[in-house]
PDB file of all heavy atoms in Angstrom:
ATOM      1  N   LYS A   1      46.014  -7.921  43.052  1.00  0.00           N
ATOM      2  CA  LYS A   1      45.346  -7.813  44.420  1.00  0.00           C
ATOM      3  C   LYS A   1      44.361  -6.677  44.447  1.00  0.00           C
ATOM      4  O   LYS A   1      43.445  -6.642  45.262  1.00  0.00           O
ATOM      5  CB  LYS A   1      46.476  -7.558  45.440  1.00  0.00           C
ATOM      6  CG  LYS A   1      47.279  -8.819  45.617  1.00  0.00           C
ATOM      7  CD  LYS A   1      48.224  -8.710  46.757  1.00  0.00           C
ATOM      8  CE  LYS A   1      48.971 -10.033  46.979  1.00  0.00           C
ATOM      9  NZ  LYS A   1      49.726 -10.044  48.232  1.00  0.00           N
ATOM     10  N   LYS A   2      44.464  -5.666  43.574  1.00  0.00           N
ATOM     11  CA  LYS A   2      43.460  -4.523  43.520  1.00  0.00           C
ATOM     12  C   LYS A   2      42.097  -5.120  42.991  1.00  0.00           C
ATOM     13  O   LYS A   2      41.042  -4.550  43.222  1.00  0.00           O
ATOM     14  CB  LYS A   2      43.924  -3.419  42.653  1.00  0.00           C
ATOM     15  CG  LYS A   2      44.999  -2.587  43.300  1.00  0.00           C
ATOM     16  CD  LYS A   2      45.329  -1.371  42.405  1.00  0.00           C
ATOM     17  CE  LYS A   2      46.302  -0.537  43.143  1.00  0.00           C
ATOM     18  NZ  LYS A   2      46.436   0.850  42.406  1.00  0.00           N
ATOM     19  N   PHE A   3      42.157  -6.166  42.121  1.00  0.00           N
ATOM     20  CA  PHE A   3      41.029  -6.752  41.550  1.00  0.00           C
ATOM     21  C   PHE A   3      40.021  -7.169  42.636  1.00  0.00           C
ATOM     22  O   PHE A   3      38.815  -7.032  42.434  1.00  0.00           O
ATOM     23  CB  PHE A   3      41.309  -8.020  40.641  1.00  0.00           C
ATOM     24  CG  PHE A   3      40.173  -8.503  39.893  1.00  0.00           C
ATOM     25  CD1 PHE A   3      39.617  -7.856  38.928  1.00  0.00           C
ATOM     26  CD2 PHE A   3      39.753  -9.832  40.360  1.00  0.00           C
ATOM     27  CE1 PHE A   3      38.609  -8.428  38.168  1.00  0.00           C
ATOM     28  CE2 PHE A   3      38.639 -10.433  39.610  1.00  0.00           C
ATOM     29  CZ  PHE A   3      38.124  -9.729  38.633  1.00  0.00           C
ATOM     30  N   VAL A   4      40.416  -7.576  43.780  1.00  0.00           N
ATOM     31  CA  VAL A   4      39.567  -8.042  44.932  1.00  0.00           C
ATOM     32  C   VAL A   4      38.635  -6.825  45.277  1.00  0.00           C
ATOM     33  O   VAL A   4      37.430  -7.190  45.654  1.00  0.00           O
ATOM     34  CB  VAL A   4      40.463  -8.558  46.091  1.00  0.00           C
ATOM     35  CG1 VAL A   4      39.540  -8.851  47.284  1.00  0.00           C
ATOM     36  CG2 VAL A   4      41.282  -9.670  45.754  1.00  0.00           C
ATOM     37  N   SER A   5      39.080  -5.644  45.309  1.00  0.00           N
ATOM     38  CA  SER A   5      38.180  -4.559  45.764  1.00  0.00           C
ATOM     39  C   SER A   5      37.529  -3.811  44.549  1.00  0.00           C
ATOM     40  O   SER A   5      36.831  -2.861  44.839  1.00  0.00           O
ATOM     41  CB  SER A   5      39.112  -3.637  46.583  1.00  0.00           C
ATOM     42  OG  SER A   5      40.170  -3.025  45.781  1.00  0.00           O
ATOM     43  N   ASP A   6      37.812  -4.293  43.309  1.00  0.00           N
ATOM     44  CA  ASP A   6      37.101  -3.640  42.239  1.00  0.00           C
ATOM     45  C   ASP A   6      35.571  -3.756  42.408  1.00  0.00           C
ATOM     46  O   ASP A   6      35.047  -4.943  42.525  1.00  0.00           O
ATOM     47  CB  ASP A   6      37.588  -4.240  40.953  1.00  0.00           C
ATOM     48  CG  ASP A   6      36.990  -3.568  39.745  1.00  0.00           C
ATOM     49  OD1 ASP A   6      35.742  -3.707  39.407  1.00  0.00           O
ATOM     50  OD2 ASP A   6      37.776  -2.782  39.023  1.00  0.00           O
ATOM     51  N   PRO A   7      34.697  -2.795  42.273  1.00  0.00           N
ATOM     52  CA  PRO A   7      33.274  -2.852  42.503  1.00  0.00           C
ATOM     53  C   PRO A   7      32.451  -3.279  41.339  1.00  0.00           C
ATOM     54  O   PRO A   7      31.244  -3.480  41.433  1.00  0.00           O
ATOM     55  CB  PRO A   7      32.944  -1.442  42.882  1.00  0.00           C
ATOM     56  CG  PRO A   7      33.844  -0.516  42.041  1.00  0.00           C
ATOM     57  CD  PRO A   7      35.125  -1.356  42.104  1.00  0.00           C
ATOM     58  N   THR A   8      33.132  -3.554  40.151  1.00  0.00           N
ATOM     59  CA  THR A   8      32.385  -3.821  38.929  1.00  0.00           C
ATOM     60  C   THR A   8      31.525  -5.112  38.983  1.00  0.00           C
ATOM     61  O   THR A   8      30.345  -5.113  38.521  1.00  0.00           O
ATOM     62  CB  THR A   8      33.381  -3.875  37.705  1.00  0.00           C
ATOM     63  OG1 THR A   8      34.190  -2.756  37.740  1.00  0.00           O
ATOM     64  CG2 THR A   8      32.637  -3.906  36.452  1.00  0.00           C
ATOM     65  N   TYR A   9      32.074  -6.121  39.589  1.00  0.00           N
ATOM     66  CA  TYR A   9      31.276  -7.378  39.611  1.00  0.00           C
ATOM     67  C   TYR A   9      29.975  -7.193  40.511  1.00  0.00           C
ATOM     68  O   TYR A   9      28.956  -7.682  40.087  1.00  0.00           O
ATOM     69  CB  TYR A   9      32.132  -8.519  40.296  1.00  0.00           C
ATOM     70  CG  TYR A   9      31.416  -9.746  40.510  1.00  0.00           C
ATOM     71  CD1 TYR A   9      31.163 -10.680  39.498  1.00  0.00           C
ATOM     72  CD2 TYR A   9      30.788 -10.078  41.825  1.00  0.00           C
ATOM     73  CE1 TYR A   9      30.444 -11.793  39.696  1.00  0.00           C
ATOM     74  CE2 TYR A   9      30.023 -11.186  41.981  1.00  0.00           C
ATOM     75  CZ  TYR A   9      29.869 -12.093  40.907  1.00  0.00           C
ATOM     76  OH  TYR A   9      29.122 -13.175  41.121  1.00  0.00           O
ATOM     77  N   GLU A  10      30.131  -6.488  41.547  1.00  0.00           N
ATOM     78  CA  GLU A  10      28.907  -6.253  42.390  1.00  0.00           C
ATOM     79  C   GLU A  10      27.903  -5.305  41.633  1.00  0.00           C
ATOM     80  O   GLU A  10      26.681  -5.523  41.792  1.00  0.00           O
ATOM     81  CB  GLU A  10      29.290  -5.571  43.716  1.00  0.00           C
ATOM     82  CG  GLU A  10      29.804  -6.610  44.691  1.00  0.00           C
ATOM     83  CD  GLU A  10      28.801  -7.711  45.000  1.00  0.00           C
ATOM     84  OE1 GLU A  10      27.564  -7.503  45.178  1.00  0.00           O
ATOM     85  OE2 GLU A  10      29.248  -8.912  45.064  1.00  0.00           O
ATOM     86  N   GLU A  11      28.450  -4.368  40.840  1.00  0.00           N
ATOM     87  CA  GLU A  11      27.512  -3.612  40.004  1.00  0.00           C
ATOM     88  C   GLU A  11      26.798  -4.417  38.994  1.00  0.00           C
ATOM     89  O   GLU A  11      25.563  -4.259  38.757  1.00  0.00           O
ATOM     90  CB  GLU A  11      28.354  -2.409  39.336  1.00  0.00           C
ATOM     91  CG  GLU A  11      28.854  -1.400  40.216  1.00  0.00           C
ATOM     92  CD  GLU A  11      29.873  -0.452  39.404  1.00  0.00           C
ATOM     93  OE1 GLU A  11      29.943  -0.545  38.263  1.00  0.00           O
ATOM     94  OE2 GLU A  11      30.553   0.254  40.189  1.00  0.00           O
ATOM     95  N   LEU A  12      27.545  -5.389  38.445  1.00  0.00           N
ATOM     96  CA  LEU A  12      26.917  -6.261  37.442  1.00  0.00           C
ATOM     97  C   LEU A  12      25.821  -7.177  38.106  1.00  0.00           C
ATOM     98  O   LEU A  12      24.744  -7.266  37.609  1.00  0.00           O
ATOM     99  CB  LEU A  12      27.947  -7.190  36.835  1.00  0.00           C
ATOM    100  CG  LEU A  12      27.502  -8.252  35.880  1.00  0.00           C
ATOM    101  CD1 LEU A  12      26.754  -7.612  34.692  1.00  0.00           C
ATOM    102  CD2 LEU A  12      28.645  -9.050  35.337  1.00  0.00           C
ATOM    103  N   ARG A  13      26.109  -7.734  39.239  1.00  0.00           N
ATOM    104  CA  ARG A  13      25.201  -8.554  40.016  1.00  0.00           C
ATOM    105  C   ARG A  13      23.919  -7.742  40.371  1.00  0.00           C
ATOM    106  O   ARG A  13      22.829  -8.291  40.110  1.00  0.00           O
ATOM    107  CB  ARG A  13      25.782  -9.111  41.288  1.00  0.00           C
ATOM    108  CG  ARG A  13      24.952 -10.127  42.055  1.00  0.00           C
ATOM    109  CD  ARG A  13      25.563 -10.443  43.382  1.00  0.00           C
ATOM    110  NE  ARG A  13      25.757  -9.315  44.318  1.00  0.00           N
ATOM    111  CZ  ARG A  13      24.789  -8.554  44.907  1.00  0.00           C
ATOM    112  NH1 ARG A  13      23.480  -8.979  44.793  1.00  0.00           N
ATOM    113  NH2 ARG A  13      25.062  -7.560  45.658  1.00  0.00           N
ATOM    114  N   THR A  14      24.073  -6.588  40.915  1.00  0.00           N
ATOM    115  CA  THR A  14      23.013  -5.633  41.184  1.00  0.00           C
ATOM    116  C   THR A  14      22.075  -5.334  40.049  1.00  0.00           C
ATOM    117  O   THR A  14      20.878  -5.389  40.052  1.00  0.00           O
ATOM    118  CB  THR A  14      23.454  -4.545  41.959  1.00  0.00           C
ATOM    119  OG1 THR A  14      24.124  -4.863  43.133  1.00  0.00           O
ATOM    120  CG2 THR A  14      22.272  -3.580  42.307  1.00  0.00           C
ATOM    121  N   ALA A  15      22.785  -5.018  38.902  1.00  0.00           N
ATOM    122  CA  ALA A  15      22.058  -4.651  37.708  1.00  0.00           C
ATOM    123  C   ALA A  15      21.264  -5.801  37.105  1.00  0.00           C
ATOM    124  O   ALA A  15      20.176  -5.670  36.695  1.00  0.00           O
ATOM    125  CB  ALA A  15      23.100  -4.152  36.684  1.00  0.00           C
ATOM    126  N   ILE A  16      21.797  -7.023  37.191  1.00  0.00           N
ATOM    127  CA  ILE A  16      21.161  -8.225  36.764  1.00  0.00           C
ATOM    128  C   ILE A  16      19.910  -8.514  37.709  1.00  0.00           C
ATOM    129  O   ILE A  16      18.838  -8.673  37.096  1.00  0.00           O
ATOM    130  CB  ILE A  16      21.942  -9.531  36.782  1.00  0.00           C
ATOM    131  CG1 ILE A  16      22.986  -9.267  35.578  1.00  0.00           C
ATOM    132  CG2 ILE A  16      21.276 -10.724  36.526  1.00  0.00           C
ATOM    133  CD1 ILE A  16      24.099 -10.356  35.438  1.00  0.00           C
ATOM    134  N   GLU A  17      20.070  -8.441  38.941  1.00  0.00           N
ATOM    135  CA  GLU A  17      18.958  -8.579  39.872  1.00  0.00           C
ATOM    136  C   GLU A  17      17.811  -7.557  39.540  1.00  0.00           C
ATOM    137  O   GLU A  17      16.637  -7.823  39.627  1.00  0.00           O
ATOM    138  CB  GLU A  17      19.344  -8.371  41.327  1.00  0.00           C
ATOM    139  CG  GLU A  17      20.199  -9.574  41.879  1.00  0.00           C
ATOM    140  CD  GLU A  17      20.687  -9.233  43.291  1.00  0.00           C
ATOM    141  OE1 GLU A  17      20.400  -8.202  43.870  1.00  0.00           O
ATOM    142  OE2 GLU A  17      21.360 -10.108  43.803  1.00  0.00           O
ATOM    143  N   ASN A  18      18.268  -6.273  39.217  1.00  0.00           N
ATOM    144  CA  ASN A  18      17.177  -5.206  38.943  1.00  0.00           C
ATOM    145  C   ASN A  18      16.714  -5.195  37.530  1.00  0.00           C
ATOM    146  O   ASN A  18      15.949  -4.347  37.174  1.00  0.00           O
ATOM    147  CB  ASN A  18      17.826  -3.888  39.330  1.00  0.00           C
ATOM    148  CG  ASN A  18      18.122  -3.782  40.876  1.00  0.00           C
ATOM    149  OD1 ASN A  18      17.341  -4.401  41.615  1.00  0.00           O
ATOM    150  ND2 ASN A  18      19.054  -3.064  41.218  1.00  0.00           N
ATOM    151  N   GLN A  19      17.269  -6.090  36.686  1.00  0.00           N
ATOM    152  CA  GLN A  19      16.964  -6.141  35.235  1.00  0.00           C
ATOM    153  C   GLN A  19      17.216  -4.733  34.557  1.00  0.00           C
ATOM    154  O   GLN A  19      16.410  -4.329  33.710  1.00  0.00           O
ATOM    155  CB  GLN A  19      15.579  -6.576  34.990  1.00  0.00           C
ATOM    156  CG  GLN A  19      15.344  -8.072  35.450  1.00  0.00           C
ATOM    157  CD  GLN A  19      14.010  -8.660  35.049  1.00  0.00           C
ATOM    158  OE1 GLN A  19      13.155  -7.993  34.540  1.00  0.00           O
ATOM    159  NE2 GLN A  19      13.812  -9.931  35.375  1.00  0.00           N
ATOM    160  N   ASP A  20      18.303  -4.173  34.993  1.00  0.00           N
ATOM    161  CA  ASP A  20      18.748  -2.879  34.486  1.00  0.00           C
ATOM    162  C   ASP A  20      19.755  -3.139  33.418  1.00  0.00           C
ATOM    163  O   ASP A  20      21.020  -3.164  33.639  1.00  0.00           O
ATOM    164  CB  ASP A  20      19.359  -1.985  35.591  1.00  0.00           C
ATOM    165  CG  ASP A  20      19.943  -0.675  35.117  1.00  0.00           C
ATOM    166  OD1 ASP A  20      19.920  -0.419  33.883  1.00  0.00           O
ATOM    167  OD2 ASP A  20      20.382   0.099  35.917  1.00  0.00           O
ATOM    168  N   PHE A  21      19.315  -3.439  32.189  1.00  0.00           N
ATOM    169  CA  PHE A  21      20.106  -3.980  31.197  1.00  0.00           C
ATOM    170  C   PHE A  21      21.135  -2.946  30.648  1.00  0.00           C
ATOM    171  O   PHE A  21      22.222  -3.440  30.111  1.00  0.00           O
ATOM    172  CB  PHE A  21      19.284  -4.595  30.130  1.00  0.00           C
ATOM    173  CG  PHE A  21      18.507  -5.729  30.536  1.00  0.00           C
ATOM    174  CD1 PHE A  21      17.120  -5.726  30.538  1.00  0.00           C
ATOM    175  CD2 PHE A  21      19.140  -6.919  31.109  1.00  0.00           C
ATOM    176  CE1 PHE A  21      16.338  -6.815  31.083  1.00  0.00           C
ATOM    177  CE2 PHE A  21      18.345  -7.972  31.636  1.00  0.00           C
ATOM    178  CZ  PHE A  21      17.035  -7.907  31.635  1.00  0.00           C
ATOM    179  N   SER A  22      20.893  -1.693  30.746  1.00  0.00           N
ATOM    180  CA  SER A  22      21.921  -0.802  30.186  1.00  0.00           C
ATOM    181  C   SER A  22      23.059  -0.855  31.212  1.00  0.00           C
ATOM    182  O   SER A  22      24.222  -0.827  30.806  1.00  0.00           O
ATOM    183  CB  SER A  22      21.403   0.648  30.033  1.00  0.00           C
ATOM    184  OG  SER A  22      20.974   1.176  31.372  1.00  0.00           O
ATOM    185  N   THR A  23      22.845  -0.916  32.441  1.00  0.00           N
ATOM    186  CA  THR A  23      24.018  -1.089  33.470  1.00  0.00           C
ATOM    187  C   THR A  23      24.552  -2.471  33.327  1.00  0.00           C
ATOM    188  O   THR A  23      25.809  -2.584  33.520  1.00  0.00           O
ATOM    189  CB  THR A  23      23.383  -0.745  34.826  1.00  0.00           C
ATOM    190  OG1 THR A  23      22.873   0.445  34.952  1.00  0.00           O
ATOM    191  CG2 THR A  23      24.507  -0.839  35.937  1.00  0.00           C
ATOM    192  N   VAL A  24      23.825  -3.516  33.033  1.00  0.00           N
ATOM    193  CA  VAL A  24      24.358  -4.804  32.865  1.00  0.00           C
ATOM    194  C   VAL A  24      25.399  -4.757  31.736  1.00  0.00           C
ATOM    195  O   VAL A  24      26.523  -5.279  31.896  1.00  0.00           O
ATOM    196  CB  VAL A  24      23.294  -5.880  32.513  1.00  0.00           C
ATOM    197  CG1 VAL A  24      23.936  -7.161  32.009  1.00  0.00           C
ATOM    198  CG2 VAL A  24      22.367  -6.198  33.755  1.00  0.00           C
ATOM    199  N   GLU A  25      24.990  -4.166  30.626  1.00  0.00           N
ATOM    200  CA  GLU A  25      26.038  -3.957  29.480  1.00  0.00           C
ATOM    201  C   GLU A  25      27.202  -3.331  29.877  1.00  0.00           C
ATOM    202  O   GLU A  25      28.352  -3.785  29.626  1.00  0.00           O
ATOM    203  CB  GLU A  25      25.206  -3.221  28.274  1.00  0.00           C
ATOM    204  CG  GLU A  25      26.173  -3.202  27.141  1.00  0.00           C
ATOM    205  CD  GLU A  25      25.513  -2.390  25.940  1.00  0.00           C
ATOM    206  OE1 GLU A  25      24.513  -1.814  26.177  1.00  0.00           O
ATOM    207  OE2 GLU A  25      26.082  -2.408  24.936  1.00  0.00           O
ATOM    208  N   ARG A  26      27.062  -2.157  30.531  1.00  0.00           N
ATOM    209  CA  ARG A  26      28.272  -1.295  30.953  1.00  0.00           C
ATOM    210  C   ARG A  26      29.144  -2.110  31.847  1.00  0.00           C
ATOM    211  O   ARG A  26      30.384  -2.157  31.693  1.00  0.00           O
ATOM    212  CB  ARG A  26      27.782  -0.016  31.558  1.00  0.00           C
ATOM    213  CG  ARG A  26      29.007   0.919  31.916  1.00  0.00           C
ATOM    214  CD  ARG A  26      28.539   2.226  32.583  1.00  0.00           C
ATOM    215  NE  ARG A  26      27.616   1.931  33.668  1.00  0.00           N
ATOM    216  CZ  ARG A  26      27.984   1.530  34.945  1.00  0.00           C
ATOM    217  NH1 ARG A  26      29.194   1.145  35.173  1.00  0.00           N
ATOM    218  NH2 ARG A  26      27.164   1.307  35.862  1.00  0.00           N
ATOM    219  N   ALA A  27      28.509  -2.618  32.868  1.00  0.00           N
ATOM    220  CA  ALA A  27      29.314  -3.360  33.952  1.00  0.00           C
ATOM    221  C   ALA A  27      30.022  -4.643  33.349  1.00  0.00           C
ATOM    222  O   ALA A  27      31.220  -4.826  33.702  1.00  0.00           O
ATOM    223  CB  ALA A  27      28.439  -3.788  35.150  1.00  0.00           C
ATOM    224  N   ALA A  28      29.301  -5.365  32.497  1.00  0.00           N
ATOM    225  CA  ALA A  28      29.939  -6.560  31.916  1.00  0.00           C
ATOM    226  C   ALA A  28      31.047  -6.068  30.958  1.00  0.00           C
ATOM    227  O   ALA A  28      32.073  -6.773  30.925  1.00  0.00           O
ATOM    228  CB  ALA A  28      28.850  -7.383  31.154  1.00  0.00           C
ATOM    229  N   HIS A  29      30.812  -5.017  30.265  1.00  0.00           N
ATOM    230  CA  HIS A  29      31.936  -4.579  29.314  1.00  0.00           C
ATOM    231  C   HIS A  29      33.208  -4.075  30.206  1.00  0.00           C
ATOM    232  O   HIS A  29      34.285  -4.377  29.724  1.00  0.00           O
ATOM    233  CB  HIS A  29      31.400  -3.442  28.452  1.00  0.00           C
ATOM    234  CG  HIS A  29      32.261  -2.892  27.413  1.00  0.00           C
ATOM    235  ND1 HIS A  29      33.181  -1.994  27.588  1.00  0.00           N
ATOM    236  CD2 HIS A  29      32.425  -3.455  26.170  1.00  0.00           C
ATOM    237  CE1 HIS A  29      33.893  -1.857  26.476  1.00  0.00           C
ATOM    238  NE2 HIS A  29      33.443  -2.783  25.534  1.00  0.00           N
ATOM    239  N   THR A  30      32.982  -3.355  31.232  1.00  0.00           N
ATOM    240  CA  THR A  30      34.070  -2.985  32.099  1.00  0.00           C
ATOM    241  C   THR A  30      34.756  -4.205  32.638  1.00  0.00           C
ATOM    242  O   THR A  30      35.996  -4.267  32.639  1.00  0.00           O
ATOM    243  CB  THR A  30      33.527  -2.101  33.282  1.00  0.00           C
ATOM    244  OG1 THR A  30      32.902  -0.884  32.623  1.00  0.00           O
ATOM    245  CG2 THR A  30      34.663  -1.689  34.123  1.00  0.00           C
ATOM    246  N   LEU A  31      34.011  -5.154  33.216  1.00  0.00           N
ATOM    247  CA  LEU A  31      34.636  -6.417  33.767  1.00  0.00           C
ATOM    248  C   LEU A  31      35.306  -7.142  32.711  1.00  0.00           C
ATOM    249  O   LEU A  31      36.441  -7.684  33.004  1.00  0.00           O
ATOM    250  CB  LEU A  31      33.527  -7.198  34.443  1.00  0.00           C
ATOM    251  CG  LEU A  31      34.007  -8.383  35.293  1.00  0.00           C
ATOM    252  CD1 LEU A  31      35.000  -8.041  36.405  1.00  0.00           C
ATOM    253  CD2 LEU A  31      32.793  -9.062  36.015  1.00  0.00           C
ATOM    254  N   LYS A  32      34.786  -7.198  31.556  1.00  0.00           N
ATOM    255  CA  LYS A  32      35.526  -7.872  30.499  1.00  0.00           C
ATOM    256  C   LYS A  32      36.888  -7.160  30.225  1.00  0.00           C
ATOM    257  O   LYS A  32      37.812  -7.907  30.061  1.00  0.00           O
ATOM    258  CB  LYS A  32      34.675  -7.788  29.157  1.00  0.00           C
ATOM    259  CG  LYS A  32      35.307  -8.402  27.931  1.00  0.00           C
ATOM    260  CD  LYS A  32      34.551  -8.074  26.693  1.00  0.00           C
ATOM    261  CE  LYS A  32      34.772  -6.646  26.356  1.00  0.00           C
ATOM    262  NZ  LYS A  32      34.777  -6.343  24.918  1.00  0.00           N
ATOM    263  N   GLY A  33      36.982  -5.883  30.242  1.00  0.00           N
ATOM    264  CA  GLY A  33      38.161  -5.219  29.997  1.00  0.00           C
ATOM    265  C   GLY A  33      39.237  -5.415  31.117  1.00  0.00           C
ATOM    266  O   GLY A  33      40.348  -5.748  30.810  1.00  0.00           O
ATOM    267  N   VAL A  34      38.716  -5.399  32.326  1.00  0.00           N
ATOM    268  CA  VAL A  34      39.612  -5.625  33.451  1.00  0.00           C
ATOM    269  C   VAL A  34      40.116  -7.101  33.366  1.00  0.00           C
ATOM    270  O   VAL A  34      41.351  -7.325  33.510  1.00  0.00           O
ATOM    271  CB  VAL A  34      38.942  -5.350  34.817  1.00  0.00           C
ATOM    272  CG1 VAL A  34      39.793  -5.754  35.959  1.00  0.00           C
ATOM    273  CG2 VAL A  34      38.584  -3.894  34.883  1.00  0.00           C
TER     274      VAL A  34
END
């Protein structure tokens, strides 16, 4: 139930929109772990 409020997916979406690939890598890695 805590997964619903985890901000990582939104961070990934925003990073992809902004083509901020270092943040894409970090957010995707974090989301992968969760």
